[in-house]
PDB file of all heavy atoms in Angstrom:
ATOM      1  N   ARG A   1    -140.768 -59.095 114.449  1.00  0.00           N
ATOM      2  CA  ARG A   1    -140.305 -60.459 114.863  1.00  0.00           C
ATOM      3  C   ARG A   1    -138.844 -60.567 115.095  1.00  0.00           C
ATOM      4  O   ARG A   1    -138.378 -61.351 116.022  1.00  0.00           O
ATOM      5  CB  ARG A   1    -140.676 -61.425 113.768  1.00  0.00           C
ATOM      6  CG  ARG A   1    -142.264 -61.691 113.675  1.00  0.00           C
ATOM      7  CD  ARG A   1    -142.560 -62.837 112.870  1.00  0.00           C
ATOM      8  NE  ARG A   1    -142.255 -62.628 111.417  1.00  0.00           N
ATOM      9  CZ  ARG A   1    -143.182 -62.038 110.613  1.00  0.00           C
ATOM     10  NH1 ARG A   1    -144.335 -61.582 110.998  1.00  0.00           N
ATOM     11  NH2 ARG A   1    -142.805 -61.851 109.325  1.00  0.00           N
ATOM     12  N   SER A   2    -138.048 -59.689 114.323  1.00  0.00           N
ATOM     13  CA  SER A   2    -136.571 -59.710 114.587  1.00  0.00           C
ATOM     14  C   SER A   2    -136.143 -58.807 115.736  1.00  0.00           C
ATOM     15  O   SER A   2    -134.965 -58.809 116.200  1.00  0.00           O
ATOM     16  CB  SER A   2    -135.864 -59.226 113.356  1.00  0.00           C
ATOM     17  OG  SER A   2    -136.083 -57.825 113.074  1.00  0.00           O
ATOM     18  N   GLY A   3    -136.995 -57.934 116.330  1.00  0.00           N
ATOM     19  CA  GLY A   3    -136.668 -57.189 117.416  1.00  0.00           C
ATOM     20  C   GLY A   3    -136.166 -55.814 117.014  1.00  0.00           C
ATOM     21  O   GLY A   3    -135.876 -54.925 117.858  1.00  0.00           O
ATOM     22  N   ASP A   4    -136.178 -55.514 115.707  1.00  0.00           N
ATOM     23  CA  ASP A   4    -135.861 -54.173 115.197  1.00  0.00           C
ATOM     24  C   ASP A   4    -136.850 -53.132 115.326  1.00  0.00           C
ATOM     25  O   ASP A   4    -136.628 -51.975 115.295  1.00  0.00           O
ATOM     26  CB  ASP A   4    -135.508 -54.199 113.737  1.00  0.00           C
ATOM     27  CG  ASP A   4    -134.055 -55.105 113.492  1.00  0.00           C
ATOM     28  OD1 ASP A   4    -133.140 -54.774 114.094  1.00  0.00           O
ATOM     29  OD2 ASP A   4    -134.193 -56.097 112.738  1.00  0.00           O
ATOM     30  N   LEU A   5    -138.129 -53.554 115.609  1.00  0.00           N
ATOM     31  CA  LEU A   5    -139.230 -52.707 115.896  1.00  0.00           C
ATOM     32  C   LEU A   5    -139.817 -53.365 117.337  1.00  0.00           C
ATOM     33  O   LEU A   5    -139.666 -54.564 117.491  1.00  0.00           O
ATOM     34  CB  LEU A   5    -140.316 -52.602 114.928  1.00  0.00           C
ATOM     35  CG  LEU A   5    -139.958 -51.811 113.718  1.00  0.00           C
ATOM     36  CD1 LEU A   5    -141.047 -51.866 112.655  1.00  0.00           C
ATOM     37  CD2 LEU A   5    -139.775 -50.324 114.047  1.00  0.00           C
ATOM     38  N   PRO A   6    -140.341 -52.552 118.141  1.00  0.00           N
ATOM     39  CA  PRO A   6    -140.950 -53.108 119.411  1.00  0.00           C
ATOM     40  C   PRO A   6    -141.865 -54.227 119.209  1.00  0.00           C
ATOM     41  O   PRO A   6    -142.839 -54.128 118.260  1.00  0.00           O
ATOM     42  CB  PRO A   6    -141.628 -51.832 120.083  1.00  0.00           C
ATOM     43  CG  PRO A   6    -140.944 -50.671 119.466  1.00  0.00           C
ATOM     44  CD  PRO A   6    -140.579 -51.069 118.099  1.00  0.00           C
ATOM     45  N   GLY A   7    -141.881 -55.252 119.982  1.00  0.00           N
ATOM     46  CA  GLY A   7    -142.735 -56.354 119.790  1.00  0.00           C
ATOM     47  C   GLY A   7    -144.176 -56.012 120.121  1.00  0.00           C
ATOM     48  O   GLY A   7    -145.179 -56.694 119.584  1.00  0.00           O
ATOM     49  N   ASP A   8    -144.401 -54.965 120.963  1.00  0.00           N
ATOM     50  CA  ASP A   8    -145.750 -54.521 121.223  1.00  0.00           C
ATOM     51  C   ASP A   8    -146.389 -53.516 120.275  1.00  0.00           C
ATOM     52  O   ASP A   8    -147.380 -52.953 120.559  1.00  0.00           O
ATOM     53  CB  ASP A   8    -145.971 -54.039 122.638  1.00  0.00           C
ATOM     54  CG  ASP A   8    -145.151 -52.716 122.901  1.00  0.00           C
ATOM     55  OD1 ASP A   8    -144.357 -52.414 122.044  1.00  0.00           O
ATOM     56  OD2 ASP A   8    -145.328 -52.091 123.932  1.00  0.00           O
ATOM     57  N   LEU A   9    -145.635 -53.222 119.204  1.00  0.00           N
ATOM     58  CA  LEU A   9    -146.084 -52.253 118.257  1.00  0.00           C
ATOM     59  C   LEU A   9    -147.232 -52.686 117.539  1.00  0.00           C
ATOM     60  O   LEU A   9    -147.372 -53.703 116.882  1.00  0.00           O
ATOM     61  CB  LEU A   9    -144.974 -51.933 117.145  1.00  0.00           C
ATOM     62  CG  LEU A   9    -145.312 -50.814 116.244  1.00  0.00           C
ATOM     63  CD1 LEU A   9    -145.514 -49.467 116.818  1.00  0.00           C
ATOM     64  CD2 LEU A   9    -144.210 -50.716 115.168  1.00  0.00           C
ATOM     65  N   ILE A  10    -148.421 -51.877 117.545  1.00  0.00           N
ATOM     66  CA  ILE A  10    -149.580 -52.243 116.832  1.00  0.00           C
ATOM     67  C   ILE A  10    -149.490 -51.856 115.428  1.00  0.00           C
ATOM     68  O   ILE A  10    -149.139 -50.737 115.124  1.00  0.00           O
ATOM     69  CB  ILE A  10    -150.831 -51.538 117.551  1.00  0.00           C
ATOM     70  CG1 ILE A  10    -151.133 -52.106 118.868  1.00  0.00           C
ATOM     71  CG2 ILE A  10    -152.081 -51.722 116.671  1.00  0.00           C
ATOM     72  CD1 ILE A  10    -152.039 -51.303 119.762  1.00  0.00           C
ATOM     73  N   LEU A  11    -149.782 -52.754 114.538  1.00  0.00           N
ATOM     74  CA  LEU A  11    -149.808 -52.456 113.064  1.00  0.00           C
ATOM     75  C   LEU A  11    -151.303 -52.558 112.649  1.00  0.00           C
ATOM     76  O   LEU A  11    -151.881 -53.576 112.481  1.00  0.00           O
ATOM     77  CB  LEU A  11    -148.958 -53.404 112.323  1.00  0.00           C
ATOM     78  CG  LEU A  11    -147.451 -53.454 112.691  1.00  0.00           C
ATOM     79  CD1 LEU A  11    -146.658 -54.531 111.806  1.00  0.00           C
ATOM     80  CD2 LEU A  11    -146.792 -52.124 112.515  1.00  0.00           C
ATOM     81  N   LYS A  12    -151.798 -51.355 112.463  1.00  0.00           N
ATOM     82  CA  LYS A  12    -153.275 -51.268 112.028  1.00  0.00           C
ATOM     83  C   LYS A  12    -153.296 -51.103 110.540  1.00  0.00           C
ATOM     84  O   LYS A  12    -152.648 -50.217 109.960  1.00  0.00           O
ATOM     85  CB  LYS A  12    -153.917 -50.171 112.783  1.00  0.00           C
ATOM     86  CG  LYS A  12    -155.227 -49.619 112.290  1.00  0.00           C
ATOM     87  CD  LYS A  12    -155.792 -48.554 113.331  1.00  0.00           C
ATOM     88  CE  LYS A  12    -156.779 -47.680 112.772  1.00  0.00           C
ATOM     89  NZ  LYS A  12    -158.105 -48.355 112.404  1.00  0.00           N
ATOM     90  N   THR A  13    -154.084 -51.861 109.854  1.00  0.00           N
ATOM     91  CA  THR A  13    -154.173 -51.638 108.347  1.00  0.00           C
ATOM     92  C   THR A  13    -155.258 -50.725 108.075  1.00  0.00           C
ATOM     93  O   THR A  13    -156.340 -50.557 108.645  1.00  0.00           O
ATOM     94  CB  THR A  13    -154.475 -53.007 107.682  1.00  0.00           C
ATOM     95  OG1 THR A  13    -155.668 -53.622 108.138  1.00  0.00           O
ATOM     96  CG2 THR A  13    -153.308 -53.988 107.855  1.00  0.00           C
ATOM     97  N   SER A  14    -154.992 -49.928 106.935  1.00  0.00           N
ATOM     98  CA  SER A  14    -155.865 -48.767 106.567  1.00  0.00           C
ATOM     99  C   SER A  14    -157.109 -49.348 105.750  1.00  0.00           C
ATOM    100  O   SER A  14    -157.096 -50.363 105.075  1.00  0.00           O
ATOM    101  CB  SER A  14    -155.106 -47.853 105.715  1.00  0.00           C
ATOM    102  OG  SER A  14    -156.030 -46.987 105.009  1.00  0.00           O
ATOM    103  N   VAL A  15    -158.254 -48.606 105.859  1.00  0.00           N
ATOM    104  CA  VAL A  15    -159.417 -48.838 105.047  1.00  0.00           C
ATOM    105  C   VAL A  15    -159.019 -48.775 103.573  1.00  0.00           C
ATOM    106  O   VAL A  15    -159.833 -49.271 102.703  1.00  0.00           O
ATOM    107  CB  VAL A  15    -160.494 -47.961 105.421  1.00  0.00           C
ATOM    108  CG1 VAL A  15    -160.292 -46.545 104.951  1.00  0.00           C
ATOM    109  CG2 VAL A  15    -161.888 -48.446 104.933  1.00  0.00           C
ATOM    110  N   MET A  16    -157.959 -48.107 103.190  1.00  0.00           N
ATOM    111  CA  MET A  16    -157.574 -47.879 101.772  1.00  0.00           C
ATOM    112  C   MET A  16    -156.976 -49.173 101.202  1.00  0.00           C
ATOM    113  O   MET A  16    -156.624 -49.296 100.030  1.00  0.00           O
ATOM    114  CB  MET A  16    -156.609 -46.712 101.624  1.00  0.00           C
ATOM    115  CG  MET A  16    -157.188 -45.471 102.161  1.00  0.00           C
ATOM    116  SD  MET A  16    -158.834 -44.993 101.434  1.00  0.00           S
ATOM    117  CE  MET A  16    -158.404 -44.759  99.652  1.00  0.00           C
ATOM    118  N   MET A  17    -156.757 -50.273 102.217  1.00  0.00           N
ATOM    119  CA  MET A  17    -156.254 -51.557 101.611  1.00  0.00           C
ATOM    120  C   MET A  17    -157.202 -52.548 102.286  1.00  0.00           C
ATOM    121  O   MET A  17    -156.752 -53.642 102.697  1.00  0.00           O
ATOM    122  CB  MET A  17    -154.745 -51.731 101.943  1.00  0.00           C
ATOM    123  CG  MET A  17    -154.391 -51.671 103.379  1.00  0.00           C
ATOM    124  SD  MET A  17    -152.663 -51.942 103.632  1.00  0.00           S
ATOM    125  CE  MET A  17    -152.567 -53.703 103.414  1.00  0.00           C
ATOM    126  N   ALA A  18    -158.440 -52.278 102.445  1.00  0.00           N
ATOM    127  CA  ALA A  18    -159.305 -53.205 103.230  1.00  0.00           C
ATOM    128  C   ALA A  18    -159.620 -54.462 102.600  1.00  0.00           C
ATOM    129  O   ALA A  18    -159.953 -54.458 101.364  1.00  0.00           O
ATOM    130  CB  ALA A  18    -160.595 -52.307 103.488  1.00  0.00           C
ATOM    131  N   PRO A  19    -159.482 -55.570 103.234  1.00  0.00           N
ATOM    132  CA  PRO A  19    -159.782 -56.885 102.718  1.00  0.00           C
ATOM    133  C   PRO A  19    -161.338 -57.138 102.629  1.00  0.00           C
ATOM    134  O   PRO A  19    -161.995 -56.869 103.707  1.00  0.00           O
ATOM    135  CB  PRO A  19    -159.104 -57.809 103.608  1.00  0.00           C
ATOM    136  CG  PRO A  19    -159.143 -57.173 104.890  1.00  0.00           C
ATOM    137  CD  PRO A  19    -159.003 -55.704 104.667  1.00  0.00           C
ATOM    138  N   ALA A  20    -161.787 -57.563 101.471  1.00  0.00           N
ATOM    139  CA  ALA A  20    -163.257 -57.792 101.359  1.00  0.00           C
ATOM    140  C   ALA A  20    -163.657 -59.291 101.458  1.00  0.00           C
ATOM    141  O   ALA A  20    -164.809 -59.596 101.202  1.00  0.00           O
ATOM    142  CB  ALA A  20    -163.659 -57.142 100.028  1.00  0.00           C
ATOM    143  N   ASN A  21    -162.605 -60.170 101.701  1.00  0.00           N
ATOM    144  CA  ASN A  21    -162.949 -61.586 101.860  1.00  0.00           C
ATOM    145  C   ASN A  21    -162.005 -62.217 102.936  1.00  0.00           C
ATOM    146  O   ASN A  21    -161.076 -61.643 103.305  1.00  0.00           O
ATOM    147  CB  ASN A  21    -162.847 -62.270 100.490  1.00  0.00           C
ATOM    148  CG  ASN A  21    -161.400 -62.168  99.975  1.00  0.00           C
ATOM    149  OD1 ASN A  21    -160.563 -62.897 100.469  1.00  0.00           O
ATOM    150  ND2 ASN A  21    -161.260 -61.418  98.926  1.00  0.00           N
ATOM    151  N   PRO A  22    -162.446 -63.397 103.393  1.00  0.00           N
ATOM    152  CA  PRO A  22    -161.718 -63.987 104.507  1.00  0.00           C
ATOM    153  C   PRO A  22    -160.233 -64.269 104.231  1.00  0.00           C
ATOM    154  O   PRO A  22    -159.383 -64.058 104.985  1.00  0.00           O
ATOM    155  CB  PRO A  22    -162.449 -65.359 104.841  1.00  0.00           C
ATOM    156  CG  PRO A  22    -163.854 -65.012 104.239  1.00  0.00           C
ATOM    157  CD  PRO A  22    -163.671 -64.105 103.023  1.00  0.00           C
ATOM    158  N   SER A  23    -159.931 -64.738 102.922  1.00  0.00           N
ATOM    159  CA  SER A  23    -158.552 -65.031 102.572  1.00  0.00           C
ATOM    160  C   SER A  23    -157.690 -63.865 102.624  1.00  0.00           C
ATOM    161  O   SER A  23    -156.577 -63.802 103.013  1.00  0.00           O
ATOM    162  CB  SER A  23    -158.599 -65.678 101.144  1.00  0.00           C
ATOM    163  OG  SER A  23    -157.193 -66.155 100.745  1.00  0.00           O
ATOM    164  N   SER A  24    -158.179 -62.632 102.034  1.00  0.00           N
ATOM    165  CA  SER A  24    -157.386 -61.490 102.000  1.00  0.00           C
ATOM    166  C   SER A  24    -157.112 -60.874 103.435  1.00  0.00           C
ATOM    167  O   SER A  24    -156.039 -60.512 103.825  1.00  0.00           O
ATOM    168  CB  SER A  24    -158.108 -60.438 101.232  1.00  0.00           C
ATOM    169  OG  SER A  24    -158.227 -60.710  99.875  1.00  0.00           O
ATOM    170  N   ALA A  25    -158.226 -61.145 104.309  1.00  0.00           N
ATOM    171  CA  ALA A  25    -157.986 -60.645 105.686  1.00  0.00           C
ATOM    172  C   ALA A  25    -156.953 -61.545 106.386  1.00  0.00           C
ATOM    173  O   ALA A  25    -156.144 -61.012 107.199  1.00  0.00           O
ATOM    174  CB  ALA A  25    -159.360 -60.716 106.329  1.00  0.00           C
ATOM    175  N   ARG A  26    -157.003 -62.844 106.125  1.00  0.00           N
ATOM    176  CA  ARG A  26    -155.971 -63.732 106.754  1.00  0.00           C
ATOM    177  C   ARG A  26    -154.596 -63.408 106.205  1.00  0.00           C
ATOM    178  O   ARG A  26    -153.615 -63.417 107.043  1.00  0.00           O
ATOM    179  CB  ARG A  26    -156.424 -65.198 106.488  1.00  0.00           C
ATOM    180  CG  ARG A  26    -155.323 -66.062 107.174  1.00  0.00           C
ATOM    181  CD  ARG A  26    -155.740 -67.593 106.955  1.00  0.00           C
ATOM    182  NE  ARG A  26    -156.875 -67.948 107.782  1.00  0.00           N
ATOM    183  CZ  ARG A  26    -157.429 -69.147 107.733  1.00  0.00           C
ATOM    184  NH1 ARG A  26    -156.910 -70.090 106.961  1.00  0.00           N
ATOM    185  NH2 ARG A  26    -158.483 -69.521 108.464  1.00  0.00           N
ATOM    186  N   LEU A  27    -154.445 -63.039 104.994  1.00  0.00           N
ATOM    187  CA  LEU A  27    -153.150 -62.743 104.567  1.00  0.00           C
ATOM    188  C   LEU A  27    -152.556 -61.431 105.209  1.00  0.00           C
ATOM    189  O   LEU A  27    -151.404 -61.466 105.637  1.00  0.00           O
ATOM    190  CB  LEU A  27    -153.250 -62.349 102.935  1.00  0.00           C
ATOM    191  CG  LEU A  27    -152.008 -61.901 102.316  1.00  0.00           C
ATOM    192  CD1 LEU A  27    -150.881 -62.884 102.369  1.00  0.00           C
ATOM    193  CD2 LEU A  27    -152.257 -61.406 100.867  1.00  0.00           C
ATOM    194  N   LEU A  28    -153.359 -60.453 105.424  1.00  0.00           N
ATOM    195  CA  LEU A  28    -152.863 -59.298 106.207  1.00  0.00           C
ATOM    196  C   LEU A  28    -152.446 -59.703 107.580  1.00  0.00           C
ATOM    197  O   LEU A  28    -151.430 -59.283 108.074  1.00  0.00           O
ATOM    198  CB  LEU A  28    -153.963 -58.254 106.219  1.00  0.00           C
ATOM    199  CG  LEU A  28    -154.363 -57.560 104.897  1.00  0.00           C
ATOM    200  CD1 LEU A  28    -155.418 -56.427 105.136  1.00  0.00           C
ATOM    201  CD2 LEU A  28    -153.165 -57.009 104.143  1.00  0.00           C
ATOM    202  N   GLU A  29    -153.270 -60.486 108.227  1.00  0.00           N
ATOM    203  CA  GLU A  29    -152.922 -60.925 109.659  1.00  0.00           C
ATOM    204  C   GLU A  29    -151.583 -61.681 109.571  1.00  0.00           C
ATOM    205  O   GLU A  29    -150.789 -61.593 110.534  1.00  0.00           O
ATOM    206  CB  GLU A  29    -154.052 -61.814 110.205  1.00  0.00           C
ATOM    207  CG  GLU A  29    -153.885 -62.222 111.689  1.00  0.00           C
ATOM    208  CD  GLU A  29    -155.041 -62.960 112.181  1.00  0.00           C
ATOM    209  OE1 GLU A  29    -155.434 -64.001 111.532  1.00  0.00           O
ATOM    210  OE2 GLU A  29    -155.610 -62.652 113.319  1.00  0.00           O
ATOM    211  N   ASP A  30    -151.510 -62.581 108.615  1.00  0.00           N
ATOM    212  CA  ASP A  30    -150.185 -63.506 108.508  1.00  0.00           C
ATOM    213  C   ASP A  30    -149.021 -62.571 108.261  1.00  0.00           C
ATOM    214  O   ASP A  30    -147.925 -62.833 108.696  1.00  0.00           O
ATOM    215  CB  ASP A  30    -150.367 -64.436 107.314  1.00  0.00           C
ATOM    216  CG  ASP A  30    -151.256 -65.581 107.656  1.00  0.00           C
ATOM    217  OD1 ASP A  30    -151.731 -65.670 108.837  1.00  0.00           O
ATOM    218  OD2 ASP A  30    -151.694 -66.259 106.670  1.00  0.00           O
ATOM    219  N   LEU A  31    -149.204 -61.391 107.563  1.00  0.00           N
ATOM    220  CA  LEU A  31    -148.106 -60.528 107.289  1.00  0.00           C
ATOM    221  C   LEU A  31    -147.655 -59.661 108.542  1.00  0.00           C
ATOM    222  O   LEU A  31    -146.651 -59.090 108.579  1.00  0.00           O
ATOM    223  CB  LEU A  31    -148.424 -59.577 106.103  1.00  0.00           C
ATOM    224  CG  LEU A  31    -148.388 -60.283 104.680  1.00  0.00           C
ATOM    225  CD1 LEU A  31    -148.887 -59.317 103.740  1.00  0.00           C
ATOM    226  CD2 LEU A  31    -147.146 -60.873 104.418  1.00  0.00           C
ATOM    227  N   GLY A  32    -148.660 -59.563 109.505  1.00  0.00           N
ATOM    228  CA  GLY A  32    -148.232 -58.895 110.737  1.00  0.00           C
ATOM    229  C   GLY A  32    -149.250 -57.896 111.199  1.00  0.00           C
ATOM    230  O   GLY A  32    -149.102 -57.300 112.222  1.00  0.00           O
ATOM    231  N   ALA A  33    -150.410 -57.804 110.493  1.00  0.00           N
ATOM    232  CA  ALA A  33    -151.427 -56.921 110.939  1.00  0.00           C
ATOM    233  C   ALA A  33    -151.963 -57.361 112.322  1.00  0.00           C
ATOM    234  O   ALA A  33    -152.389 -58.525 112.474  1.00  0.00           O
ATOM    235  CB  ALA A  33    -152.560 -56.866 109.928  1.00  0.00           C
ATOM    236  N   THR A  34    -152.100 -56.319 113.261  1.00  0.00           N
ATOM    237  CA  THR A  34    -152.637 -56.768 114.573  1.00  0.00           C
ATOM    238  C   THR A  34    -154.058 -56.233 114.756  1.00  0.00           C
ATOM    239  O   THR A  34    -154.671 -56.649 115.708  1.00  0.00           O
ATOM    240  CB  THR A  34    -151.781 -56.228 115.692  1.00  0.00           C
ATOM    241  OG1 THR A  34    -151.448 -54.827 115.454  1.00  0.00           O
ATOM    242  CG2 THR A  34    -150.455 -56.931 115.780  1.00  0.00           C
ATOM    243  N   THR A  35    -154.475 -55.444 113.821  1.00  0.00           N
ATOM    244  CA  THR A  35    -155.880 -55.020 113.791  1.00  0.00           C
ATOM    245  C   THR A  35    -156.188 -54.593 112.284  1.00  0.00           C
ATOM    246  O   THR A  35    -155.341 -53.906 111.605  1.00  0.00           O
ATOM    247  CB  THR A  35    -156.073 -53.840 114.797  1.00  0.00           C
ATOM    248  OG1 THR A  35    -157.449 -53.276 114.665  1.00  0.00           O
ATOM    249  CG2 THR A  35    -155.077 -52.663 114.547  1.00  0.00           C
ATOM    250  N   VAL A  36    -157.355 -55.100 111.787  1.00  0.00           N
ATOM    251  CA  VAL A  36    -157.632 -55.011 110.426  1.00  0.00           C
ATOM    252  C   VAL A  36    -158.912 -54.196 110.078  1.00  0.00           C
ATOM    253  O   VAL A  36    -159.929 -54.542 110.567  1.00  0.00           O
ATOM    254  CB  VAL A  36    -157.797 -56.384 109.910  1.00  0.00           C
ATOM    255  CG1 VAL A  36    -158.199 -56.444 108.349  1.00  0.00           C
ATOM    256  CG2 VAL A  36    -156.556 -57.319 110.142  1.00  0.00           C
TER     257      VAL A  36
END
């Protein structure tokens, strides 16, 4: 968001921190995950 990393950089979250409920999934998306 600050431009210090490319705006088109995909941030994919690992299955090793996989969210098992809707709230956890939304939290990852809110933090910047572009694919969960």
